[in-house]
Amino acid sequence: MSTPPFDDKAIFLFHDSDLVDATPQATALFSGGTDGLSDLDALVQLLAPHVPNLRQITENPPATKTRIDGVTTDSIWIEINETGGRTRIVVNGTHGKLCIEKKATIAQEIQLSELAMLRDLTQHSPQLVWQETSDGRLLWANQTYLTFADSMLSPAKGAPKTWPSTSIFPGLHETLGAGTTGARRLSVKSHDQSTEHWFDITSTPFNAGFLHYASDANGIVRAERERQNFKQTLGKTFAELSCGLAVFDKNRRLTTFNPAILDLTGLQFEFLSNRPTLDTVLDRLREKRMLPEPKNYANWRAKFTAVEEAAKDGSYRETWALPDGQTYRVSGRPHPDGAFAFMFEDISAEVSLARRFRDDIETGQAVLDAMPDAVAVFSAAGTLLISNQAYTDFWQTNPAVYHEQRSLQTEMKVWKNYSTNTQIWSRIRSFIHQAGQRDAWSDTTFLDDGRQLTCHTNPIAAGKTLVRFTTTAKVKPEIQKLMMRDPAIQIGKR
């Protein structure tokens, strides 16, 4: 078979992506324009329905002439090879030659193939796509729209599918007719009004009517509702907090506050709702004497800057003793995007209670220290909880030394060291550790200097035990001599 003449074929010669030579048949295939693409990209796009891998082939064209058959039609196939650093592409018809009369057939086949692809894409698009007249009459719809319309507008199961007699969005054309175009979010309910579907709809003018594209927005609407519900719940929670909350954005303006801060600071709602800056809020607090008064104004202003910077780092925490006697705990916490929050807590009652407890403890200790008898209180576990000055003087103990390890066992070693060997100490130990009902008792022993020592044990609240020691007057010297410590006895006691 003879080779057809050169001018009967659509032949392209490319240098890189630029077309450097072409036959009239090849030039005619570009008559539709290239839409800003390079010459090679335009040809690849034109032949893509027939030769999908043409792009990969042109990146590394073969050195010898190679035939590539089309995949969508038998009438088109190409030949490609590299020659002299350039890429030669020949578009052939069914019989291997392409005359001027057949170029229109090739172009038509390409256009029909592209049209079929676009129709298939439109029909199977996940979007609802439809065309309406300016008065809302449905002209065309893709399969996704029709399927959805059947599920929304047909109440009977198994009913034959017909062209929708009414629009899914009946009022859409009215707003479009008023000049409101572009994107909007609309909802449509099912035939039984039990289900609501949301769509983001984009409309464009088309042939004296409109083309509409609807994307499923159920997930977005659900997320927005959950976010709104969360904000409402959060707002209710903030409203019920007893501590005042004030959130400032990265520009130092108040964005959020709860009702408690109005009660704690005395600031007006109108003032806070105008989104004042942090400096303005602090200035107003100072005017209302709700800040600790500094020694001078300059240092006070510098303190404000330190408050803000410390709050951004999440490290600000300070107790404000106000001139009226109230005490606030103010803490700062960082928030996203450079924002930060202040929390105000009224701890006046807590501070007052702590002071009262401290006064009670100091008063109780003073009362014990005023007693002439040596007194010690032990817990049920045998820990020394409190003792008076007479106890320290009597047993010659150092509270600072024994502060960490003052237990019953430690104290009993001291007691035994200054007294005669007796069973009274084991009896006291058993009584302190005893659970349940207990009765007070007392017993006597002798100190090493001959004095009689009386030990009193009394159960008190929460399983604690009060131990009290009293002594008789010092004995005469001759009796004291007889009662002096015997070294042998001391060694035996140890």
Protein backbone atom coordinates (compact mmCIF):
# COMPACT_ATOMS: atom_id res chain seq x y z
CA MET A 1 0.00 0.00 0.00
CA SER A 2 1.41 3.37 -1.03
CA THR A 3 2.00 6.14 1.48
CA PRO A 4 -0.55 8.93 1.19
CA PRO A 5 0.60 12.38 0.20
CA PHE A 6 2.03 14.61 2.93
CA ASP A 7 -0.76 17.16 2.65
CA ASP A 8 -3.50 14.53 3.18
CA LYS A 9 -2.60 14.05 6.84
CA ALA A 10 -2.93 16.14 10.02
CA ILE A 11 0.76 16.39 10.92
CA PHE A 12 2.15 18.40 13.88
CA LEU A 13 5.78 19.23 14.52
CA PHE A 14 6.58 20.47 18.06
CA HIS A 15 9.71 21.90 19.61
CA ASP A 16 9.14 21.32 23.31
CA SER A 17 5.56 22.62 23.75
CA ASP A 18 5.53 25.01 20.78
CA LEU A 19 4.06 24.13 17.40
CA VAL A 20 6.71 24.94 14.77
CA ASP A 21 5.04 23.41 11.68
CA ALA A 22 1.70 21.83 10.72
CA THR A 23 -0.28 20.75 7.68
CA PRO A 24 -3.54 22.56 6.80
CA GLN A 25 -5.49 19.59 8.19
CA ALA A 26 -3.61 19.91 11.49
CA THR A 27 -4.17 23.66 11.64
CA ALA A 28 -7.89 23.12 11.06
CA LEU A 29 -8.12 20.95 14.21
CA PHE A 30 -7.05 24.00 16.26
CA SER A 31 -9.77 26.19 14.81
CA GLY A 32 -11.66 26.11 18.13
CA GLY A 33 -8.89 27.93 20.04
CA THR A 34 -6.49 26.75 22.71
CA ASP A 35 -8.01 28.53 25.79
CA GLY A 36 -4.63 29.83 26.94
CA LEU A 37 -2.95 26.41 26.80
CA SER A 38 0.34 25.71 25.09
CA ASP A 39 0.15 24.20 21.60
CA LEU A 40 1.11 20.73 22.83
CA ASP A 41 -1.28 20.90 25.81
CA ALA A 42 -4.11 21.94 23.49
CA LEU A 43 -3.52 18.91 21.25
CA VAL A 44 -3.25 16.57 24.26
CA GLN A 45 -6.55 17.93 25.59
CA LEU A 46 -8.19 17.55 22.17
CA LEU A 47 -7.11 13.92 21.76
CA ALA A 48 -7.44 12.91 25.44
CA PRO A 49 -10.74 10.99 24.94
CA HIS A 50 -9.02 8.83 22.30
CA VAL A 51 -5.41 8.63 23.56
CA PRO A 52 -5.50 9.14 27.37
CA ASN A 53 -1.79 8.45 27.80
CA LEU A 54 -0.64 10.90 25.13
CA ARG A 55 0.79 13.27 27.77
CA GLN A 56 3.15 10.56 29.14
CA ILE A 57 4.18 9.55 25.61
CA THR A 58 5.06 13.12 24.57
CA GLU A 59 7.29 13.53 27.62
CA ASN A 60 9.57 10.80 26.26
CA PRO A 61 8.69 10.24 22.58
CA PRO A 62 10.10 7.13 20.84
CA ALA A 63 12.99 7.51 18.41
CA THR A 64 11.19 5.49 15.73
CA LYS A 65 7.74 6.00 14.35
CA THR A 66 5.26 4.32 16.70
CA ARG A 67 1.52 3.78 16.19
CA ILE A 68 -0.86 4.48 19.11
CA ASP A 69 -4.41 3.20 18.56
CA GLY A 70 -7.37 5.18 19.89
CA VAL A 71 -9.48 3.73 22.69
CA THR A 72 -12.85 5.34 21.98
CA THR A 73 -13.22 5.04 18.20
CA ASP A 74 -11.74 2.96 15.40
CA SER A 75 -11.47 5.91 13.04
CA ILE A 76 -8.66 7.75 14.89
CA TRP A 77 -5.11 6.65 15.67
CA ILE A 78 -1.83 8.51 15.84
CA GLU A 79 1.81 8.10 14.96
CA ILE A 80 4.52 9.69 17.09
CA ASN A 81 8.30 9.84 16.98
CA GLU A 82 11.21 12.16 17.76
CA THR A 83 13.17 13.60 14.87
CA GLY A 84 15.97 16.13 15.09
CA GLY A 85 15.12 17.10 18.68
CA ARG A 86 11.48 17.70 17.74
CA THR A 87 8.32 15.68 18.29
CA ARG A 88 6.31 14.65 15.21
CA ILE A 89 2.67 13.65 15.75
CA VAL A 90 0.40 12.43 12.93
CA VAL A 91 -3.38 12.09 13.40
CA ASN A 92 -4.76 9.44 11.02
CA GLY A 93 -8.19 8.33 9.95
CA THR A 94 -9.51 4.77 9.55
CA HIS A 95 -7.60 3.99 6.35
CA GLY A 96 -4.39 5.73 7.32
CA LYS A 97 -4.91 8.93 5.39
CA LEU A 98 -6.74 12.12 6.22
CA CYS A 99 -8.11 14.40 3.56
CA ILE A 100 -9.52 17.87 4.08
CA GLU A 101 -13.10 16.54 3.89
CA LYS A 102 -12.44 14.11 6.78
CA LYS A 103 -11.00 16.65 9.21
CA ALA A 104 -14.52 17.81 10.07
CA THR A 105 -15.48 14.17 10.82
CA ILE A 106 -12.53 13.77 13.19
CA ALA A 107 -13.33 17.05 14.93
CA GLN A 108 -16.98 16.02 15.18
CA GLU A 109 -16.07 12.65 16.67
CA ILE A 110 -13.82 14.36 19.20
CA GLN A 111 -16.54 16.83 20.13
CA LEU A 112 -19.16 14.09 20.42
CA SER A 113 -16.85 12.06 22.63
CA GLU A 114 -16.23 15.10 24.84
CA LEU A 115 -19.97 15.81 24.93
CA ALA A 116 -20.68 12.24 26.03
CA MET A 117 -18.09 12.53 28.76
CA LEU A 118 -19.54 15.83 30.00
CA ARG A 119 -23.07 14.40 29.93
CA ASP A 120 -21.93 11.41 31.95
CA LEU A 121 -20.15 13.65 34.48
CA THR A 122 -23.23 15.84 34.85
CA GLN A 123 -25.63 12.94 35.28
CA HIS A 124 -23.52 11.23 37.95
CA SER A 125 -22.41 14.36 39.76
CA PRO A 126 -23.07 14.27 43.53
CA GLN A 127 -24.49 17.77 43.14
CA LEU A 128 -28.09 18.43 42.21
CA VAL A 129 -27.96 20.20 38.84
CA TRP A 130 -31.03 21.50 37.07
CA GLN A 131 -32.26 24.19 34.66
CA GLU A 132 -35.32 26.35 35.21
CA THR A 133 -37.08 29.06 33.27
CA SER A 134 -37.33 32.53 34.76
CA ASP A 135 -40.80 31.64 36.14
CA GLY A 136 -39.54 28.50 37.90
CA ARG A 137 -40.56 25.80 35.38
CA LEU A 138 -38.17 22.83 35.32
CA LEU A 139 -36.55 22.30 31.91
CA TRP A 140 -33.77 19.81 32.65
CA ALA A 141 -32.27 18.00 35.63
CA ASN A 142 -29.50 15.47 36.18
CA GLN A 143 -30.04 12.02 37.59
CA THR A 144 -29.03 13.06 41.11
CA TYR A 145 -31.76 15.72 41.14
CA LEU A 146 -34.38 13.32 39.80
CA THR A 147 -33.49 10.62 42.34
CA PHE A 148 -33.72 13.10 45.18
CA ALA A 149 -36.98 14.50 43.84
CA ASP A 150 -38.48 10.99 43.77
CA SER A 151 -37.54 10.44 47.43
CA MET A 152 -38.86 13.84 48.54
CA LEU A 153 -41.97 14.30 46.40
CA SER A 154 -43.31 10.77 45.95
CA PRO A 155 -45.06 9.53 49.12
CA ALA A 156 -46.04 6.12 47.81
CA LYS A 157 -43.50 3.32 47.64
CA GLY A 158 -43.17 1.64 44.29
CA ALA A 159 -44.87 4.53 42.47
CA PRO A 160 -43.68 5.00 38.88
CA LYS A 161 -41.00 7.61 38.44
CA THR A 162 -42.25 10.63 36.51
CA TRP A 163 -40.88 14.01 35.62
CA PRO A 164 -41.21 16.22 38.71
CA SER A 165 -44.38 18.28 38.43
CA THR A 166 -43.21 20.79 41.03
CA SER A 167 -39.81 22.22 41.88
CA ILE A 168 -37.97 21.05 44.98
CA PHE A 169 -37.22 24.71 45.75
CA PRO A 170 -40.41 26.45 44.58
CA GLY A 171 -39.47 29.98 45.66
CA LEU A 172 -35.99 30.01 44.23
CA HIS A 173 -36.87 31.72 40.94
CA GLU A 174 -38.62 34.59 42.73
CA THR A 175 -35.48 35.72 44.56
CA LEU A 176 -33.45 35.26 41.41
CA GLY A 177 -35.91 37.36 39.46
CA ALA A 178 -35.43 40.12 42.02
CA GLY A 179 -31.74 40.18 41.19
CA THR A 180 -30.51 38.09 44.10
CA THR A 181 -28.07 35.70 42.47
CA GLY A 182 -25.11 33.76 43.72
CA ALA A 183 -24.87 31.30 46.59
CA ARG A 184 -27.47 30.77 49.31
CA ARG A 185 -28.40 28.07 51.80
CA LEU A 186 -31.92 26.62 51.60
CA SER A 187 -33.72 23.69 53.16
CA VAL A 188 -36.39 21.34 51.89
CA LYS A 189 -38.54 18.93 53.90
CA SER A 190 -39.66 15.47 52.92
CA HIS A 191 -43.29 14.78 51.99
CA ASP A 192 -44.12 13.74 55.57
CA GLN A 193 -42.30 16.79 57.05
CA SER A 194 -40.17 14.49 59.21
CA THR A 195 -36.80 15.10 57.57
CA GLU A 196 -35.14 18.39 56.66
CA HIS A 197 -32.37 18.56 54.08
CA TRP A 198 -30.07 21.56 53.65
CA PHE A 199 -28.31 22.59 50.45
CA ASP A 200 -25.86 25.28 49.39
CA ILE A 201 -27.25 26.48 46.04
CA THR A 202 -25.36 28.42 43.40
CA SER A 203 -27.33 29.90 40.49
CA THR A 204 -26.13 31.36 37.20
CA PRO A 205 -28.15 32.93 34.34
CA PHE A 206 -28.55 30.63 31.32
CA ASN A 207 -30.72 31.00 28.18
CA ALA A 208 -33.27 33.43 29.67
CA GLY A 209 -33.45 31.19 32.73
CA PHE A 210 -31.08 29.83 35.35
CA LEU A 211 -28.80 26.90 36.00
CA HIS A 212 -28.75 25.75 39.61
CA TYR A 213 -26.13 23.69 41.46
CA ALA A 214 -27.01 22.35 44.94
CA SER A 215 -24.44 20.78 47.26
CA ASP A 216 -25.35 18.79 50.37
CA ALA A 217 -24.98 21.08 53.43
CA ASN A 218 -26.47 18.78 56.09
CA GLY A 219 -23.08 18.17 57.72
CA ILE A 220 -22.26 21.88 57.80
CA VAL A 221 -25.67 22.82 59.24
CA ARG A 222 -25.44 20.05 61.83
CA ALA A 223 -21.97 21.21 62.87
CA GLU A 224 -23.13 24.83 63.12
CA ARG A 225 -26.12 23.83 65.26
CA GLU A 226 -23.92 21.75 67.54
CA ARG A 227 -21.50 24.65 67.78
CA GLN A 228 -24.35 27.02 68.61
CA ASN A 229 -25.73 24.61 71.22
CA PHE A 230 -22.27 24.27 72.70
CA LYS A 231 -21.91 28.05 72.87
CA GLN A 232 -25.31 28.33 74.55
CA THR A 233 -24.41 25.62 77.04
CA LEU A 234 -21.07 27.27 77.65
CA GLY A 235 -22.79 30.62 78.08
CA LYS A 236 -25.23 29.16 80.61
CA THR A 237 -22.33 27.56 82.46
CA PHE A 238 -20.44 30.85 82.54
CA ALA A 239 -23.58 32.64 83.72
CA GLU A 240 -23.89 30.30 86.70
CA LEU A 241 -20.25 30.59 87.76
CA SER A 242 -19.66 32.41 91.01
CA CYS A 243 -16.29 33.69 89.83
CA GLY A 244 -16.12 36.60 87.42
CA LEU A 245 -14.78 35.90 83.91
CA ALA A 246 -13.48 38.48 81.44
CA VAL A 247 -11.94 37.43 78.09
CA PHE A 248 -9.84 39.90 76.08
CA ASP A 249 -8.83 39.40 72.44
CA LYS A 250 -5.35 39.89 71.02
CA ASN A 251 -6.12 43.61 70.57
CA ARG A 252 -6.74 43.91 74.34
CA ARG A 253 -10.49 44.44 73.92
CA LEU A 254 -13.10 42.75 76.07
CA THR A 255 -15.00 40.12 74.08
CA THR A 256 -16.74 37.95 76.68
CA PHE A 257 -17.82 38.39 80.29
CA ASN A 258 -20.28 36.69 82.62
CA PRO A 259 -22.83 38.23 85.03
CA ALA A 260 -20.70 37.41 88.07
CA ILE A 261 -18.13 40.00 87.07
CA LEU A 262 -20.81 42.69 87.26
CA ASP A 263 -21.55 41.75 90.87
CA LEU A 264 -17.90 41.41 91.86
CA THR A 265 -16.56 44.59 90.27
CA GLY A 266 -19.61 46.85 90.26
CA LEU A 267 -19.02 47.69 86.59
CA GLN A 268 -22.07 48.51 84.49
CA PHE A 269 -23.31 46.22 81.72
CA GLU A 270 -23.43 49.12 79.26
CA PHE A 271 -19.78 49.85 79.91
CA LEU A 272 -18.63 46.25 79.41
CA SER A 273 -20.86 45.64 76.38
CA ASN A 274 -19.04 48.44 74.51
CA ARG A 275 -15.93 46.22 74.43
CA PRO A 276 -13.56 48.45 76.41
CA THR A 277 -9.81 47.85 76.35
CA LEU A 278 -7.97 46.26 79.25
CA ASP A 279 -6.49 49.62 80.29
CA THR A 280 -9.95 51.20 80.34
CA VAL A 281 -11.36 48.37 82.46
CA LEU A 282 -8.53 48.61 84.95
CA ASP A 283 -8.84 52.40 85.09
CA ARG A 284 -12.54 52.04 85.89
CA LEU A 285 -11.78 49.45 88.57
CA ARG A 286 -9.31 51.84 90.15
CA GLU A 287 -11.91 54.60 90.16
CA LYS A 288 -14.28 52.28 92.01
CA ARG A 289 -11.52 51.37 94.48
CA MET A 290 -11.62 47.74 93.31
CA LEU A 291 -7.84 47.54 92.93
CA PRO A 292 -5.08 47.58 95.55
CA GLU A 293 -3.98 51.21 95.75
CA PRO A 294 -0.32 51.51 94.63
CA LYS A 295 2.23 53.89 96.07
CA ASN A 296 2.34 55.96 92.90
CA TYR A 297 0.42 56.12 89.65
CA ALA A 298 3.40 55.38 87.37
CA ASN A 299 4.17 52.10 89.10
CA TRP A 300 0.49 51.28 89.08
CA ARG A 301 0.32 51.70 85.31
CA ALA A 302 3.43 49.56 84.92
CA LYS A 303 1.73 46.92 87.05
CA PHE A 304 -1.09 46.76 84.50
CA THR A 305 1.36 45.85 81.76
CA ALA A 306 2.88 43.19 84.00
CA VAL A 307 -0.60 41.82 84.69
CA GLU A 308 -1.31 41.46 80.98
CA GLU A 309 2.02 39.86 80.09
CA ALA A 310 1.85 37.45 83.01
CA ALA A 311 -1.70 36.48 82.08
CA LYS A 312 -0.62 35.70 78.52
CA ASP A 313 1.95 33.25 79.90
CA GLY A 314 -0.67 31.66 82.13
CA SER A 315 1.37 32.49 85.22
CA TYR A 316 -0.49 35.47 86.67
CA ARG A 317 -2.03 34.76 90.06
CA GLU A 318 -2.36 37.37 92.76
CA THR A 319 -4.45 38.20 95.80
CA TRP A 320 -5.92 41.69 95.85
CA ALA A 321 -6.69 43.13 99.28
CA LEU A 322 -9.17 45.90 98.56
CA PRO A 323 -9.56 49.07 100.61
CA ASP A 324 -13.08 48.06 101.75
CA GLY A 325 -11.78 44.87 103.35
CA GLN A 326 -12.73 42.48 100.57
CA THR A 327 -10.15 40.06 99.17
CA TYR A 328 -10.10 38.90 95.55
CA ARG A 329 -8.02 36.20 93.95
CA VAL A 330 -7.20 37.26 90.38
CA SER A 331 -5.68 34.79 87.93
CA GLY A 332 -4.86 35.00 84.23
CA ARG A 333 -5.10 32.26 81.60
CA PRO A 334 -4.00 32.36 77.93
CA HIS A 335 -6.54 31.70 75.17
CA PRO A 336 -6.07 30.84 71.47
CA ASP A 337 -5.07 33.50 68.92
CA GLY A 338 -3.30 35.66 71.48
CA ALA A 339 -6.38 36.25 73.64
CA PHE A 340 -6.33 35.90 77.42
CA ALA A 341 -8.83 35.75 80.27
CA PHE A 342 -8.99 37.10 83.81
CA MET A 343 -10.88 35.29 86.56
CA PHE A 344 -11.98 37.13 89.69
CA GLU A 345 -12.88 35.15 92.82
CA ASP A 346 -14.17 36.66 96.04
CA ILE A 347 -12.20 34.85 98.75
CA SER A 348 -13.11 37.26 101.55
CA ALA A 349 -14.99 34.55 103.46
CA GLU A 350 -12.18 32.07 102.92
CA VAL A 351 -9.56 34.53 104.14
CA SER A 352 -11.74 35.50 107.12
CA LEU A 353 -12.28 31.85 108.00
CA ALA A 354 -8.55 31.11 107.74
CA ARG A 355 -7.80 34.06 109.99
CA ARG A 356 -10.40 32.89 112.49
CA PHE A 357 -8.96 29.38 112.48
CA ARG A 358 -5.49 30.80 112.97
CA ASP A 359 -6.73 32.94 115.86
CA ASP A 360 -8.48 29.91 117.39
CA ILE A 361 -5.33 27.83 117.13
CA GLU A 362 -3.21 30.58 118.61
CA THR A 363 -5.75 31.10 121.42
CA GLY A 364 -5.90 27.37 122.14
CA GLN A 365 -2.13 27.16 122.24
CA ALA A 366 -1.97 30.17 124.55
CA VAL A 367 -4.50 28.53 126.90
CA LEU A 368 -2.49 25.32 126.98
CA ASP A 369 0.74 27.21 127.59
CA ALA A 370 -0.90 28.96 130.55
CA MET A 371 -1.67 25.64 132.25
CA PRO A 372 0.86 24.54 134.92
CA ASP A 373 0.47 20.86 134.08
CA ALA A 374 2.36 19.22 131.22
CA VAL A 375 -0.19 18.41 128.50
CA ALA A 376 0.17 16.49 125.21
CA VAL A 377 -2.46 15.37 122.70
CA PHE A 378 -1.94 12.29 120.51
CA SER A 379 -3.89 11.00 117.51
CA ALA A 380 -5.21 7.43 117.33
CA ALA A 381 -2.15 6.59 115.21
CA GLY A 382 0.17 7.82 117.96
CA THR A 383 1.26 11.13 116.43
CA LEU A 384 1.86 14.06 118.78
CA LEU A 385 -0.56 16.75 117.63
CA ILE A 386 -0.07 19.49 120.19
CA SER A 387 1.67 20.12 123.52
CA ASN A 388 2.11 23.09 125.85
CA GLN A 389 5.14 24.92 127.16
CA ALA A 390 4.93 23.12 130.51
CA TYR A 391 5.31 19.79 128.66
CA THR A 392 8.42 21.08 126.85
CA ASP A 393 9.94 22.36 130.08
CA PHE A 394 9.04 19.29 132.11
CA TRP A 395 10.45 16.68 129.72
CA GLN A 396 13.15 19.01 128.38
CA THR A 397 12.20 18.42 124.74
CA ASN A 398 12.92 20.68 121.76
CA PRO A 399 9.85 21.05 119.50
CA ALA A 400 11.99 22.34 116.63
CA VAL A 401 14.13 19.21 116.69
CA TYR A 402 11.26 16.77 117.01
CA HIS A 403 8.84 18.58 114.73
CA GLU A 404 9.11 16.07 111.87
CA GLN A 405 9.24 12.84 113.89
CA ARG A 406 7.32 13.51 117.13
CA SER A 407 5.51 10.24 117.62
CA LEU A 408 4.33 8.35 120.70
CA GLN A 409 7.32 6.03 120.50
CA THR A 410 9.74 8.96 120.47
CA GLU A 411 8.03 10.67 123.38
CA MET A 412 7.87 7.48 125.47
CA LYS A 413 11.64 7.06 125.19
CA VAL A 414 11.96 10.49 126.85
CA TRP A 415 9.42 9.58 129.53
CA LYS A 416 11.14 6.31 130.36
CA ASN A 417 14.54 7.98 130.50
CA TYR A 418 13.41 10.30 133.31
CA SER A 419 11.33 7.85 135.36
CA THR A 420 11.45 4.45 137.01
CA ASN A 421 10.73 1.31 135.09
CA THR A 422 6.97 0.71 135.22
CA GLN A 423 4.14 -0.79 133.20
CA ILE A 424 2.30 2.53 133.07
CA TRP A 425 3.92 3.48 129.74
CA SER A 426 2.73 0.36 127.92
CA ARG A 427 -0.73 0.97 129.39
CA ILE A 428 -0.73 4.52 127.97
CA ARG A 429 0.39 3.21 124.56
CA SER A 430 -2.43 0.64 124.48
CA PHE A 431 -4.98 3.25 125.54
CA ILE A 432 -3.94 5.68 122.79
CA HIS A 433 -4.22 2.99 120.07
CA GLN A 434 -7.45 1.53 121.47
CA ALA A 435 -10.55 1.82 119.30
CA GLY A 436 -14.13 2.19 120.47
CA GLN A 437 -15.43 3.32 123.84
CA ARG A 438 -12.73 4.36 126.35
CA ASP A 439 -12.83 5.57 129.97
CA ALA A 440 -10.45 8.07 131.51
CA TRP A 441 -7.97 6.78 134.03
CA SER A 442 -4.85 7.88 135.92
CA ASP A 443 -1.91 6.16 137.55
CA THR A 444 1.28 7.10 139.34
CA THR A 445 4.98 6.38 139.05
CA PHE A 446 8.18 8.00 140.23
CA LEU A 447 10.69 10.19 138.50
CA ASP A 448 14.40 9.56 138.86
CA ASP A 449 14.68 12.49 141.32
CA GLY A 450 12.19 10.86 143.66
CA ARG A 451 9.11 12.89 142.83
CA GLN A 452 5.81 11.16 142.33
CA LEU A 453 4.47 11.49 138.80
CA THR A 454 0.75 11.16 138.13
CA CYS A 455 -0.31 10.38 134.55
CA HIS A 456 -3.89 11.26 133.52
CA THR A 457 -5.35 9.96 130.22
CA ASN A 458 -8.59 11.31 128.81
CA PRO A 459 -10.24 10.30 125.50
CA ILE A 460 -11.30 13.30 123.39
CA ALA A 461 -13.00 13.79 120.01
CA ALA A 462 -12.04 11.90 116.83
CA GLY A 463 -10.18 9.13 118.72
CA LYS A 464 -7.55 11.49 120.12
CA THR A 465 -6.09 11.17 123.61
CA LEU A 466 -5.05 13.87 126.06
CA VAL A 467 -2.19 12.91 128.37
CA ARG A 468 -1.54 15.15 131.39
CA PHE A 469 1.38 14.89 133.82
CA THR A 470 1.40 16.27 137.38
CA THR A 471 4.06 15.92 140.07
CA THR A 472 4.42 16.31 143.83
CA ALA A 473 6.83 18.71 145.45
CA LYS A 474 10.49 17.81 145.51
CA VAL A 475 11.41 15.31 148.25
CA LYS A 476 13.90 15.89 151.04
CA PRO A 477 17.60 15.62 150.16
CA GLU A 478 18.13 12.38 152.08
CA ILE A 479 15.19 10.74 150.31
CA GLN A 480 16.35 12.19 146.99
CA LYS A 481 19.76 10.61 147.64
CA LEU A 482 18.13 7.26 148.12
CA MET A 483 16.17 7.81 144.85
CA MET A 484 19.18 8.86 142.80
CA ARG A 485 19.79 6.97 139.59
CA ASP A 486 21.67 3.76 139.82
CA PRO A 487 23.96 3.36 136.78
CA ALA A 488 23.23 -0.36 136.71
CA ILE A 489 19.50 0.35 136.65
CA GLN A 490 19.95 2.89 133.85
CA ILE A 491 21.83 0.37 131.77
CA GLY A 492 19.10 -2.18 132.41
CA LYS A 493 16.39 0.26 131.29
CA ARG A 494 18.19 0.85 128.03
